[in-house]
C-alpha atoms as a PDB file:
ATOM      1  CA  MET A   1      74.647 116.657 140.046  1.00  0.00           C
ATOM      2  CA  LYS A   2      78.345 116.606 140.910  1.00  0.00           C
ATOM      3  CA  LEU A   3      81.291 116.161 138.565  1.00  0.00           C
ATOM      4  CA  LYS A   4      82.264 112.651 139.625  1.00  0.00           C
ATOM      5  CA  LEU A   5      85.973 111.944 139.741  1.00  0.00           C
ATOM      6  CA  ASP A   6      85.898 108.851 137.543  1.00  0.00           C
ATOM      7  CA  GLN A   7      88.594 108.023 135.011  1.00  0.00           C
ATOM      8  CA  GLN A   8      86.948 110.029 132.241  1.00  0.00           C
ATOM      9  CA  THR A   9      86.722 113.104 134.451  1.00  0.00           C
ATOM     10  CA  VAL A  10      90.371 112.753 135.467  1.00  0.00           C
ATOM     11  CA  TRP A  11      91.332 112.718 131.794  1.00  0.00           C
ATOM     12  CA  LEU A  12      89.206 115.808 131.081  1.00  0.00           C
ATOM     13  CA  VAL A  13      90.493 117.814 134.029  1.00  0.00           C
ATOM     14  CA  GLY A  14      94.055 116.587 133.537  1.00  0.00           C
ATOM     15  CA  GLY A  15      93.976 117.610 129.877  1.00  0.00           C
ATOM     16  CA  VAL A  16      92.831 121.139 130.707  1.00  0.00           C
ATOM     17  CA  ILE A  17      95.405 121.551 133.481  1.00  0.00           C
ATOM     18  CA  GLY A  18      98.129 120.124 131.237  1.00  0.00           C
ATOM     19  CA  PHE A  19      97.189 122.591 128.495  1.00  0.00           C
ATOM     20  CA  LEU A  20      97.371 125.495 130.953  1.00  0.00           C
ATOM     21  CA  VAL A  21     100.733 124.315 132.348  1.00  0.00           C
ATOM     22  CA  ILE A  22     102.209 124.102 128.856  1.00  0.00           C
ATOM     23  CA  SER A  23     100.728 127.501 127.923  1.00  0.00           C
ATOM     24  CA  THR A  24     102.164 129.056 131.086  1.00  0.00           C
ATOM     25  CA  GLY A  25     105.597 127.629 130.313  1.00  0.00           C
ATOM     26  CA  ILE A  26     105.501 128.897 126.730  1.00  0.00           C
ATOM     27  CA  GLY A  27     104.399 132.329 127.897  1.00  0.00           C
ATOM     28  CA  MET A  28     107.238 132.558 130.420  1.00  0.00           C
ATOM     29  CA  TRP A  29     109.757 131.376 127.820  1.00  0.00           C
ATOM     30  CA  MET A  30     108.552 133.959 125.289  1.00  0.00           C
ATOM     31  CA  ALA A  31     108.709 136.741 127.879  1.00  0.00           C
ATOM     32  CA  ALA A  32     112.279 135.812 128.815  1.00  0.00           C
ATOM     33  CA  ARG A  33     113.572 135.547 125.229  1.00  0.00           C
ATOM     34  CA  ASN A  34     111.872 138.436 123.459  1.00  0.00           C
ATOM     35  CA  SER A  35     113.150 141.973 124.039  1.00  0.00           C
ATOM     36  CA  ASN A  36     111.207 143.730 121.279  1.00  0.00           C
ATOM     37  CA  GLU A  37     108.926 146.309 122.892  1.00  0.00           C
ATOM     38  CA  ALA A  38     105.970 145.674 120.580  1.00  0.00           C
ATOM     39  CA  ASP A  39     106.233 141.902 121.003  1.00  0.00           C
ATOM     40  CA  GLN A  40     106.595 142.281 124.767  1.00  0.00           C
ATOM     41  CA  ALA A  41     103.228 144.065 124.935  1.00  0.00           C
ATOM     42  CA  ALA A  42     101.550 141.190 123.063  1.00  0.00           C
ATOM     43  CA  ILE A  43     103.310 138.593 125.225  1.00  0.00           C
ATOM     44  CA  LYS A  44     102.298 140.436 128.401  1.00  0.00           C
ATOM     45  CA  ASN A  45      98.676 140.386 127.249  1.00  0.00           C
ATOM     46  CA  LEU A  46      98.953 136.671 126.429  1.00  0.00           C
ATOM     47  CA  ASN A  47     100.339 135.854 129.887  1.00  0.00           C
ATOM     48  CA  ALA A  48      97.599 137.932 131.522  1.00  0.00           C
ATOM     49  CA  ARG A  49      95.028 135.882 129.591  1.00  0.00           C
ATOM     50  CA  ILE A  50      96.645 132.621 130.714  1.00  0.00           C
ATOM     51  CA  ARG A  51      96.618 133.711 134.380  1.00  0.00           C
ATOM     52  CA  ALA A  52      92.954 134.666 134.035  1.00  0.00           C
ATOM     53  CA  TRP A  53      92.243 131.228 132.545  1.00  0.00           C
ATOM     54  CA  TRP A  54      93.805 129.565 135.600  1.00  0.00           C
ATOM     55  CA  VAL A  55      91.410 131.471 137.867  1.00  0.00           C
ATOM     56  CA  MET A  56      88.364 130.793 135.679  1.00  0.00           C
ATOM     57  CA  VAL A  57      89.143 127.074 135.377  1.00  0.00           C
ATOM     58  CA  LEU A  58      89.619 126.809 139.149  1.00  0.00           C
ATOM     59  CA  VAL A  59      86.304 128.565 139.880  1.00  0.00           C
ATOM     60  CA  PHE A  60      84.420 126.507 137.285  1.00  0.00           C
ATOM     61  CA  GLY A  61      85.955 123.259 138.556  1.00  0.00           C
ATOM     62  CA  LEU A  62      85.048 124.021 142.163  1.00  0.00           C
ATOM     63  CA  ALA A  63      81.482 124.860 141.118  1.00  0.00           C
ATOM     64  CA  LEU A  64      81.115 121.503 139.355  1.00  0.00           C
ATOM     65  CA  LEU A  65      82.627 119.629 142.296  1.00  0.00           C
ATOM     66  CA  THR A  66      80.079 121.166 144.667  1.00  0.00           C
ATOM     67  CA  GLY A  67      77.286 119.829 142.490  1.00  0.00           C
ATOM     68  CA  GLY A  68      74.284 121.380 140.802  1.00  0.00           C
ATOM     69  CA  THR A  69      73.841 124.061 143.451  1.00  0.00           C
ATOM     70  CA  GLY A  70      77.373 125.355 143.024  1.00  0.00           C
ATOM     71  CA  SER A  71      77.053 125.421 139.238  1.00  0.00           C
ATOM     72  CA  VAL A  72      73.703 127.242 139.358  1.00  0.00           C
ATOM     73  CA  LEU A  73      75.136 129.812 141.787  1.00  0.00           C
ATOM     74  CA  LEU A  74      78.220 130.340 139.610  1.00  0.00           C
ATOM     75  CA  PHE A  75      76.238 130.883 136.432  1.00  0.00           C
ATOM     76  CA  GLY A  76      73.681 132.981 138.315  1.00  0.00           C
ATOM     77  CA  LEU A  77      76.451 135.294 139.538  1.00  0.00           C
ATOM     78  CA  THR A  78      77.909 135.334 136.026  1.00  0.00           C
ATOM     79  CA  SER A  79      74.537 136.394 134.613  1.00  0.00           C
ATOM     80  CA  PHE A  80      74.172 139.105 137.247  1.00  0.00           C
ATOM     81  CA  LEU A  81      77.601 140.570 136.442  1.00  0.00           C
ATOM     82  CA  ALA A  82      77.035 140.293 132.691  1.00  0.00           C
ATOM     83  CA  LEU A  83      73.645 141.991 133.046  1.00  0.00           C
ATOM     84  CA  ARG A  84      75.270 144.808 134.988  1.00  0.00           C
ATOM     85  CA  GLU A  85      77.898 145.292 132.275  1.00  0.00           C
ATOM     86  CA  PHE A  86      75.312 145.218 129.494  1.00  0.00           C
ATOM     87  CA  ILE A  87      73.011 147.755 131.171  1.00  0.00           C
ATOM     88  CA  THR A  88      75.979 150.007 132.017  1.00  0.00           C
ATOM     89  CA  LEU A  89      77.077 149.952 128.380  1.00  0.00           C
ATOM     90  CA  THR A  90      73.557 150.623 127.081  1.00  0.00           C
ATOM     91  CA  PRO A  91      72.370 153.187 129.650  1.00  0.00           C
ATOM     92  CA  THR A  92      68.723 153.727 130.480  1.00  0.00           C
ATOM     93  CA  LYS A  93      66.953 156.528 132.349  1.00  0.00           C
ATOM     94  CA  LEU A  94      65.985 157.168 135.952  1.00  0.00           C
ATOM     95  CA  SER A  95      62.416 156.183 135.086  1.00  0.00           C
ATOM     96  CA  ASP A  96      63.654 152.681 134.238  1.00  0.00           C
ATOM     97  CA  HIS A  97      65.152 151.991 137.657  1.00  0.00           C
ATOM     98  CA  ARG A  98      62.146 150.103 139.012  1.00  0.00           C
ATOM     99  CA  SER A  99      62.075 147.870 135.924  1.00  0.00           C
ATOM    100  CA  LEU A 100      65.807 147.294 136.362  1.00  0.00           C
ATOM    101  CA  PHE A 101      65.253 146.397 140.016  1.00  0.00           C
ATOM    102  CA  TRP A 102      62.874 143.666 138.877  1.00  0.00           C
ATOM    103  CA  ALA A 103      65.322 142.504 136.222  1.00  0.00           C
ATOM    104  CA  PHE A 104      68.287 142.235 138.601  1.00  0.00           C
ATOM    105  CA  PHE A 105      66.746 141.188 141.900  1.00  0.00           C
ATOM    106  CA  ILE A 106      63.551 139.326 141.029  1.00  0.00           C
ATOM    107  CA  ILE A 107      63.625 137.885 137.511  1.00  0.00           C
ATOM    108  CA  THR A 108      67.301 136.832 137.431  1.00  0.00           C
ATOM    109  CA  PRO A 109      67.256 134.958 140.779  1.00  0.00           C
ATOM    110  CA  LEU A 110      63.867 133.420 139.934  1.00  0.00           C
ATOM    111  CA  GLN A 111      65.182 132.113 136.611  1.00  0.00           C
ATOM    112  CA  TYR A 112      68.047 130.316 138.348  1.00  0.00           C
ATOM    113  CA  CYS A 113      65.787 129.028 141.108  1.00  0.00           C
ATOM    114  CA  LEU A 114      63.692 127.386 138.384  1.00  0.00           C
ATOM    115  CA  VAL A 115      66.859 125.888 136.881  1.00  0.00           C
ATOM    116  CA  ALA A 116      67.860 124.516 140.295  1.00  0.00           C
ATOM    117  CA  ALA A 117      64.352 123.145 140.820  1.00  0.00           C
ATOM    118  CA  ARG A 118      64.438 121.566 137.324  1.00  0.00           C
ATOM    119  CA  TRP A 119      61.098 123.189 136.505  1.00  0.00           C
ATOM    120  CA  TYR A 120      61.571 123.108 132.739  1.00  0.00           C
ATOM    121  CA  GLY A 121      58.043 124.193 131.841  1.00  0.00           C
ATOM    122  CA  LEU A 122      58.382 127.566 133.599  1.00  0.00           C
ATOM    123  CA  PHE A 123      62.138 128.034 133.242  1.00  0.00           C
ATOM    124  CA  VAL A 124      61.869 127.985 129.460  1.00  0.00           C
ATOM    125  CA  VAL A 125      59.124 130.660 129.253  1.00  0.00           C
ATOM    126  CA  LEU A 126      59.688 132.914 132.277  1.00  0.00           C
ATOM    127  CA  ILE A 127      61.822 135.505 130.494  1.00  0.00           C
ATOM    128  CA  PRO A 128      60.777 135.244 126.818  1.00  0.00           C
ATOM    129  CA  VAL A 129      57.070 135.385 127.730  1.00  0.00           C
ATOM    130  CA  TYR A 130      56.314 136.714 131.217  1.00  0.00           C
ATOM    131  CA  ALA A 131      59.305 139.026 131.756  1.00  0.00           C
ATOM    132  CA  PHE A 132      59.070 140.203 128.147  1.00  0.00           C
ATOM    133  CA  LEU A 133      55.514 141.389 128.782  1.00  0.00           C
ATOM    134  CA  PHE A 134      56.025 142.567 132.356  1.00  0.00           C
ATOM    135  CA  ILE A 135      59.019 144.861 131.762  1.00  0.00           C
ATOM    136  CA  PRO A 136      57.269 147.306 129.382  1.00  0.00           C
ATOM    137  CA  ILE A 137      54.159 147.324 131.590  1.00  0.00           C
ATOM    138  CA  ARG A 138      56.267 148.196 134.640  1.00  0.00           C
ATOM    139  CA  SER A 139      58.173 150.841 132.671  1.00  0.00           C
ATOM    140  CA  VAL A 140      55.123 152.545 131.189  1.00  0.00           C
ATOM    141  CA  ILE A 141      53.614 153.056 134.652  1.00  0.00           C
ATOM    142  CA  GLU A 142      56.380 155.633 135.235  1.00  0.00           C
ATOM    143  CA  GLY A 143      54.821 157.754 132.487  1.00  0.00           C
ATOM    144  CA  ASP A 144      58.050 158.489 130.603  1.00  0.00           C
ATOM    145  CA  CYS A 145      57.504 158.068 126.829  1.00  0.00           C
ATOM    146  CA  ASP A 146      60.878 159.466 125.764  1.00  0.00           C
ATOM    147  CA  ARG A 147      62.679 156.713 123.749  1.00  0.00           C
ATOM    148  CA  PHE A 148      60.330 154.233 125.428  1.00  0.00           C
ATOM    149  CA  LEU A 149      60.725 151.465 122.840  1.00  0.00           C
ATOM    150  CA  GLU A 150      64.518 151.793 122.820  1.00  0.00           C
ATOM    151  CA  ARG A 151      64.804 151.757 126.616  1.00  0.00           C
ATOM    152  CA  THR A 152      62.441 148.812 127.040  1.00  0.00           C
ATOM    153  CA  ALA A 153      64.153 146.806 124.295  1.00  0.00           C
ATOM    154  CA  LYS A 154      67.523 147.258 126.017  1.00  0.00           C
ATOM    155  CA  ILE A 155      66.236 145.677 129.223  1.00  0.00           C
ATOM    156  CA  GLN A 156      64.427 142.896 127.381  1.00  0.00           C
ATOM    157  CA  TRP A 157      67.479 142.116 125.273  1.00  0.00           C
ATOM    158  CA  ALA A 158      69.759 142.205 128.316  1.00  0.00           C
ATOM    159  CA  LEU A 159      67.569 139.683 130.139  1.00  0.00           C
ATOM    160  CA  MET A 160      67.403 137.382 127.130  1.00  0.00           C
ATOM    161  CA  ILE A 161      71.144 137.372 126.409  1.00  0.00           C
ATOM    162  CA  CYS A 162      72.699 137.690 129.865  1.00  0.00           C
ATOM    163  CA  VAL A 163      70.218 135.643 131.906  1.00  0.00           C
ATOM    164  CA  TYR A 164      67.935 133.463 129.797  1.00  0.00           C
ATOM    165  CA  CYS A 165      70.543 132.207 127.335  1.00  0.00           C
ATOM    166  CA  VAL A 166      73.291 131.719 129.929  1.00  0.00           C
ATOM    167  CA  SER A 167      70.961 129.825 132.281  1.00  0.00           C
ATOM    168  CA  HIS A 168      70.742 127.016 129.716  1.00  0.00           C
ATOM    169  CA  ALA A 169      74.317 126.003 130.577  1.00  0.00           C
ATOM    170  CA  PRO A 170      73.649 124.842 134.171  1.00  0.00           C
ATOM    171  CA  ALA A 171      70.257 123.553 132.995  1.00  0.00           C
ATOM    172  CA  LEU A 172      72.227 120.798 131.228  1.00  0.00           C
ATOM    173  CA  LEU A 173      72.637 119.209 134.661  1.00  0.00           C
ATOM    174  CA  SER A 174      68.879 118.618 134.849  1.00  0.00           C
ATOM    175  CA  LEU A 175      68.557 116.600 131.635  1.00  0.00           C
ATOM    176  CA  GLU A 176      67.659 112.942 132.082  1.00  0.00           C
ATOM    177  CA  ILE A 177      69.626 111.140 129.367  1.00  0.00           C
ATOM    178  CA  PRO A 178      69.145 107.349 129.162  1.00  0.00           C
ATOM    179  CA  GLY A 179      72.387 105.496 129.886  1.00  0.00           C
ATOM    180  CA  TYR A 180      74.074 108.689 131.052  1.00  0.00           C
ATOM    181  CA  GLU A 181      72.548 109.029 134.506  1.00  0.00           C
ATOM    182  CA  GLY A 182      74.680 110.910 137.040  1.00  0.00           C
ATOM    183  CA  GLN A 183      77.187 112.092 134.443  1.00  0.00           C
ATOM    184  CA  ASN A 184      75.722 115.427 133.335  1.00  0.00           C
ATOM    185  CA  GLY A 185      78.580 117.302 134.985  1.00  0.00           C
ATOM    186  CA  LYS A 186      80.842 115.981 132.233  1.00  0.00           C
ATOM    187  CA  LEU A 187      78.364 117.178 129.609  1.00  0.00           C
ATOM    188  CA  LEU A 188      78.525 120.722 131.007  1.00  0.00           C
ATOM    189  CA  PHE A 189      82.320 120.443 131.152  1.00  0.00           C
ATOM    190  CA  PHE A 190      82.361 119.293 127.517  1.00  0.00           C
ATOM    191  CA  PHE A 191      80.139 122.164 126.386  1.00  0.00           C
ATOM    192  CA  VAL A 192      82.147 124.911 128.104  1.00  0.00           C
ATOM    193  CA  LEU A 193      85.466 123.395 127.020  1.00  0.00           C
ATOM    194  CA  VAL A 194      84.552 123.125 123.321  1.00  0.00           C
ATOM    195  CA  VAL A 195      83.028 126.614 123.136  1.00  0.00           C
ATOM    196  CA  GLN A 196      85.887 128.308 124.969  1.00  0.00           C
ATOM    197  CA  MET A 197      88.576 126.386 123.085  1.00  0.00           C
ATOM    198  CA  SER A 198      86.901 127.448 119.851  1.00  0.00           C
ATOM    199  CA  ASP A 199      87.462 131.080 120.898  1.00  0.00           C
ATOM    200  CA  VAL A 200      91.101 130.358 121.783  1.00  0.00           C
ATOM    201  CA  LEU A 201      91.796 128.412 118.580  1.00  0.00           C
ATOM    202  CA  GLN A 202      90.168 131.070 116.402  1.00  0.00           C
ATOM    203  CA  TYR A 203      92.489 133.603 118.046  1.00  0.00           C
ATOM    204  CA  VAL A 204      95.564 131.394 117.501  1.00  0.00           C
ATOM    205  CA  TRP A 205      94.768 130.543 113.864  1.00  0.00           C
ATOM    206  CA  GLY A 206      93.969 134.183 113.188  1.00  0.00           C
ATOM    207  CA  LYS A 207      97.332 135.303 114.565  1.00  0.00           C
ATOM    208  CA  LEU A 208      99.202 132.616 112.621  1.00  0.00           C
ATOM    209  CA  LEU A 209      97.507 132.805 109.220  1.00  0.00           C
ATOM    210  CA  GLY A 210      94.811 135.452 109.378  1.00  0.00           C
ATOM    211  CA  LYS A 211      94.873 138.133 106.684  1.00  0.00           C
ATOM    212  CA  ARG A 212      91.374 138.503 105.283  1.00  0.00           C
ATOM    213  CA  ARG A 213      88.990 139.929 107.872  1.00  0.00           C
ATOM    214  CA  ILE A 214      85.399 138.715 108.022  1.00  0.00           C
ATOM    215  CA  ALA A 215      83.800 141.908 109.314  1.00  0.00           C
ATOM    216  CA  PRO A 216      86.542 144.509 109.869  1.00  0.00           C
ATOM    217  CA  GLN A 217      84.124 147.197 111.031  1.00  0.00           C
ATOM    218  CA  VAL A 218      82.687 144.868 113.684  1.00  0.00           C
ATOM    219  CA  SER A 219      85.641 142.824 114.921  1.00  0.00           C
ATOM    220  CA  PRO A 220      89.005 143.527 113.246  1.00  0.00           C
ATOM    221  CA  ASN A 221      90.625 140.464 114.838  1.00  0.00           C
ATOM    222  CA  LYS A 222      88.195 137.940 113.349  1.00  0.00           C
ATOM    223  CA  THR A 223      89.625 136.546 110.114  1.00  0.00           C
ATOM    224  CA  TRP A 224      88.554 133.803 107.714  1.00  0.00           C
ATOM    225  CA  ALA A 225      91.627 131.753 108.612  1.00  0.00           C
ATOM    226  CA  GLY A 226      90.858 132.127 112.310  1.00  0.00           C
ATOM    227  CA  PHE A 227      87.207 131.250 111.781  1.00  0.00           C
ATOM    228  CA  ILE A 228      87.810 128.171 109.613  1.00  0.00           C
ATOM    229  CA  GLY A 229      90.832 126.931 111.556  1.00  0.00           C
ATOM    230  CA  GLY A 230      89.225 127.514 114.948  1.00  0.00           C
ATOM    231  CA  ILE A 231      85.876 125.945 114.061  1.00  0.00           C
ATOM    232  CA  ILE A 232      87.484 122.858 112.503  1.00  0.00           C
ATOM    233  CA  SER A 233      89.993 122.446 115.364  1.00  0.00           C
ATOM    234  CA  ALA A 234      87.343 122.840 118.088  1.00  0.00           C
ATOM    235  CA  THR A 235      84.999 120.464 116.252  1.00  0.00           C
ATOM    236  CA  LEU A 236      87.788 117.871 116.056  1.00  0.00           C
ATOM    237  CA  LEU A 237      88.447 118.393 119.765  1.00  0.00           C
ATOM    238  CA  GLY A 238      84.766 117.838 120.557  1.00  0.00           C
ATOM    239  CA  THR A 239      84.734 114.742 118.357  1.00  0.00           C
ATOM    240  CA  ALA A 240      87.797 113.365 120.160  1.00  0.00           C
ATOM    241  CA  LEU A 241      86.002 113.854 123.497  1.00  0.00           C
ATOM    242  CA  TRP A 242      82.876 111.931 122.473  1.00  0.00           C
ATOM    243  CA  TRP A 243      83.639 109.318 125.163  1.00  0.00           C
ATOM    244  CA  ALA A 244      82.810 111.870 127.876  1.00  0.00           C
ATOM    245  CA  THR A 245      79.351 112.548 126.412  1.00  0.00           C
ATOM    246  CA  PRO A 246      76.177 110.605 125.588  1.00  0.00           C
ATOM    247  CA  PHE A 247      76.991 111.128 121.889  1.00  0.00           C
ATOM    248  CA  SER A 248      78.605 108.899 119.304  1.00  0.00           C
ATOM    249  CA  PRO A 249      81.717 110.326 117.559  1.00  0.00           C
ATOM    250  CA  TRP A 250      79.654 111.616 114.625  1.00  0.00           C
ATOM    251  CA  GLN A 251      77.021 113.068 116.942  1.00  0.00           C
ATOM    252  CA  ALA A 252      79.726 114.750 119.029  1.00  0.00           C
ATOM    253  CA  ALA A 253      81.137 116.238 115.827  1.00  0.00           C
ATOM    254  CA  GLY A 254      77.738 117.601 114.807  1.00  0.00           C
ATOM    255  CA  MET A 255      77.020 119.034 118.249  1.00  0.00           C
ATOM    256  CA  SER A 256      80.493 120.585 118.433  1.00  0.00           C
ATOM    257  CA  LEU A 257      80.102 122.164 115.011  1.00  0.00           C
ATOM    258  CA  ALA A 258      76.704 123.603 115.976  1.00  0.00           C
ATOM    259  CA  ILE A 259      77.909 125.230 119.194  1.00  0.00           C
ATOM    260  CA  THR A 260      81.171 126.540 117.739  1.00  0.00           C
ATOM    261  CA  LEU A 261      79.262 128.209 114.893  1.00  0.00           C
ATOM    262  CA  MET A 262      76.757 129.689 117.332  1.00  0.00           C
ATOM    263  CA  GLY A 263      79.606 130.785 119.581  1.00  0.00           C
ATOM    264  CA  PHE A 264      81.275 132.580 116.693  1.00  0.00           C
ATOM    265  CA  GLY A 265      77.990 134.288 115.825  1.00  0.00           C
ATOM    266  CA  GLY A 266      77.535 135.338 119.434  1.00  0.00           C
ATOM    267  CA  GLY A 267      80.988 136.861 119.597  1.00  0.00           C
ATOM    268  CA  LEU A 268      80.353 138.821 116.421  1.00  0.00           C
ATOM    269  CA  VAL A 269      76.953 140.124 117.574  1.00  0.00           C
ATOM    270  CA  MET A 270      78.234 141.197 120.971  1.00  0.00           C
ATOM    271  CA  SER A 271      81.222 142.887 119.304  1.00  0.00           C
ATOM    272  CA  ALA A 272      78.804 144.883 117.157  1.00  0.00           C
ATOM    273  CA  ILE A 273      77.140 146.192 120.313  1.00  0.00           C
ATOM    274  CA  LYS A 274      80.517 147.275 121.699  1.00  0.00           C
ATOM    275  CA  ARG A 275      81.400 149.060 118.457  1.00  0.00           C
ATOM    276  CA  ASP A 276      78.007 150.758 118.496  1.00  0.00           C
ATOM    277  CA  ARG A 277      78.784 152.073 121.973  1.00  0.00           C
ATOM    278  CA  GLY A 278      82.379 152.996 121.056  1.00  0.00           C
ATOM    279  CA  VAL A 279      84.188 150.743 123.553  1.00  0.00           C
ATOM    280  CA  LYS A 280      86.690 147.893 123.269  1.00  0.00           C
ATOM    281  CA  ASP A 281      85.431 145.743 126.157  1.00  0.00           C
ATOM    282  CA  TYR A 282      82.296 145.385 128.241  1.00  0.00           C
ATOM    283  CA  GLY A 283      84.314 145.838 131.428  1.00  0.00           C
ATOM    284  CA  ASN A 284      87.683 145.191 133.069  1.00  0.00           C
ATOM    285  CA  LEU A 285      86.807 142.662 135.759  1.00  0.00           C
ATOM    286  CA  ILE A 286      88.903 139.854 134.192  1.00  0.00           C
ATOM    287  CA  VAL A 287      92.479 140.955 133.543  1.00  0.00           C
ATOM    288  CA  GLY A 288      93.459 140.142 129.968  1.00  0.00           C
ATOM    289  CA  HIS A 289      89.894 139.312 128.947  1.00  0.00           C
ATOM    290  CA  GLY A 290      87.942 142.521 129.601  1.00  0.00           C
ATOM    291  CA  GLY A 291      84.594 142.037 131.296  1.00  0.00           C
ATOM    292  CA  VAL A 292      82.455 139.004 132.076  1.00  0.00           C
ATOM    293  CA  MET A 293      80.401 139.588 128.943  1.00  0.00           C
ATOM    294  CA  ASP A 294      83.556 139.527 126.819  1.00  0.00           C
ATOM    295  CA  ARG A 295      84.307 136.041 128.118  1.00  0.00           C
ATOM    296  CA  ILE A 296      80.829 134.508 127.821  1.00  0.00           C
ATOM    297  CA  ASP A 297      79.566 136.091 124.588  1.00  0.00           C
ATOM    298  CA  SER A 298      79.985 132.778 122.739  1.00  0.00           C
ATOM    299  CA  ILE A 299      78.325 130.812 125.566  1.00  0.00           C
ATOM    300  CA  CYS A 300      75.282 133.128 125.409  1.00  0.00           C
ATOM    301  CA  PHE A 301      74.449 132.032 121.884  1.00  0.00           C
ATOM    302  CA  ALA A 302      75.678 128.424 122.093  1.00  0.00           C
ATOM    303  CA  ALA A 303      74.091 127.342 125.415  1.00  0.00           C
ATOM    304  CA  PRO A 304      70.383 127.343 124.446  1.00  0.00           C
ATOM    305  CA  VAL A 305      71.132 125.635 121.123  1.00  0.00           C
ATOM    306  CA  PHE A 306      73.204 122.902 122.798  1.00  0.00           C
ATOM    307  CA  PHE A 307      70.636 122.415 125.561  1.00  0.00           C
ATOM    308  CA  HIS A 308      67.652 122.058 123.246  1.00  0.00           C
ATOM    309  CA  LEU A 309      69.460 119.876 120.697  1.00  0.00           C
ATOM    310  CA  THR A 310      70.499 117.545 123.520  1.00  0.00           C
ATOM    311  CA  ARG A 311      67.049 117.563 125.091  1.00  0.00           C
ATOM    312  CA  PHE A 312      65.265 116.940 121.777  1.00  0.00           C
ATOM    313  CA  PHE A 313      67.499 114.182 120.425  1.00  0.00           C
ATOM    314  CA  PHE A 314      68.933 112.434 123.511  1.00  0.00           C
ATOM    315  CA  THR A 315      66.359 112.520 126.309  1.00  0.00           C
END
């Protein structure tokens, strides 16, 4: 399922590139005009984020252009890296290494093979049923009962969040939607764009108007102004892009609201895990954004909801 270069796709891609070009220009202008040391640090971070966005958009675009295989491989690699970050942040013991081998090198690839094969019946239960039961059985064979429940839960949770939930994004390409045949690449584009723009807009609104924090002990940067402004703005963006989806304007608004709310919840939950472990980011792979998990935390929670809402109501 390739992202076909029809007029709608050109408008979508052109809009994203135009946004990045304008953002790059603004960032360069701010860096040239502002000499305040504190402001320069914030501007430097902003420009690093924009450069990282260029790379991520290019990689995501190339994956869509190569078709379903490229998209599955991209999200599979993303899950692998996110799983690595999550397990590194929530360390296990030597006795868990064989269970981790299964998680990384058997279960994760198998999940994405099922997505590529469009085997919905097994893809949807492999991790929450079979892997969920297999991991503790494999771990207990090692005979180490020290913090057994805690260690097993870490691996199970990591598989659910980093692999199972994320795999629902490329699974959108397998949905058979009447009247929308051959256009699922745009649906995936729409989903990622709305969720990621919600994160960006929450950040912008928070910086502009944010004073009252939602959960200061969890994520000090998340404010009520950022939350309300970002959710409304991203929902309006999704509504305006209804023409690229199988949804009507009102349906696009409802779907956008659902995934932006879930994305916000995902960001908050994953921030709580970082605070629990005493770190700012999951990693440093993406300059300006932290680790892979820092960039896809909202997608983790939004992808399965968007997939199943679309499958239930539109296929």
